[in-house]
Protein backbone atom coordinates (compact mmCIF):
# COMPACT_ATOMS: atom_id res chain seq x y z
CA MET A 1 -1.26 60.03 53.14
CA ALA A 2 2.56 61.46 54.50
CA ILE A 3 5.93 61.08 52.86
CA ASP A 4 7.80 58.20 53.74
CA SER A 5 9.98 58.49 57.14
CA GLU A 6 12.81 56.49 55.89
CA LEU A 7 12.89 57.94 51.99
CA LEU A 8 13.48 61.93 53.33
CA GLU A 9 16.53 60.25 56.00
CA ILE A 10 18.43 59.20 52.57
CA LEU A 11 17.19 62.41 50.36
CA VAL A 12 19.56 65.35 49.82
CA CYS A 13 19.55 68.54 48.15
CA PRO A 14 20.63 67.17 43.79
CA LYS A 15 22.52 71.35 43.89
CA CYS A 16 24.88 70.82 46.92
CA LYS A 17 24.13 67.71 48.11
CA GLY A 18 23.03 69.11 51.30
CA GLU A 19 20.29 68.27 53.80
CA LEU A 20 16.65 68.80 53.46
CA GLU A 21 13.81 70.32 56.00
CA TYR A 22 10.64 68.76 55.95
CA GLN A 23 7.94 71.99 55.20
CA GLU A 24 4.62 68.76 55.93
CA PRO A 25 1.59 72.12 56.15
CA GLU A 26 3.41 73.19 53.07
CA GLN A 27 4.14 69.79 51.19
CA LYS A 28 8.25 71.07 50.66
CA LEU A 29 11.45 70.18 50.94
CA ILE A 30 14.19 72.91 52.19
CA CYS A 31 17.47 73.58 50.62
CA ASN A 32 18.44 75.87 53.36
CA SER A 33 22.37 76.32 51.58
CA CYS A 34 20.41 76.66 48.77
CA LYS A 35 17.73 78.53 49.08
CA LEU A 36 15.89 76.27 46.76
CA ALA A 37 12.20 74.37 47.92
CA TYR A 38 11.81 71.21 46.33
CA ARG A 39 8.42 70.40 46.31
CA ILE A 40 6.77 67.22 47.06
CA GLU A 41 3.61 66.31 44.54
CA ASP A 42 1.76 63.54 45.66
CA ASP A 43 3.63 62.72 47.97
CA ILE A 44 6.34 61.95 45.49
CA PRO A 45 9.45 64.20 45.94
CA VAL A 46 10.16 66.70 42.41
CA MET A 47 13.85 67.23 42.40
CA LEU A 48 14.42 69.24 40.10
CA ILE A 49 16.57 72.04 39.96
CA ASP A 50 15.10 73.30 37.34
CA GLU A 51 11.60 73.07 38.72
CA ALA A 52 13.21 74.59 42.52
CA GLU A 53 10.80 77.03 44.16
CA PRO A 54 14.26 80.17 45.15
CA ILE A 55 13.04 81.24 49.29
CA GLU A 56 14.67 83.74 50.71
């Protein structure tokens, strides 16, 4: 089961309110502005800044 496309359209980064890039194979939402990755568990995005993973 994949994340709902309508949900992807309205989700923004909780830190900067910027656009998120969905990476389906890794099941993550990426904010290129903040350099953070938000994981997706059981088709539910975990949009907590404290739980985001820094990316390079």
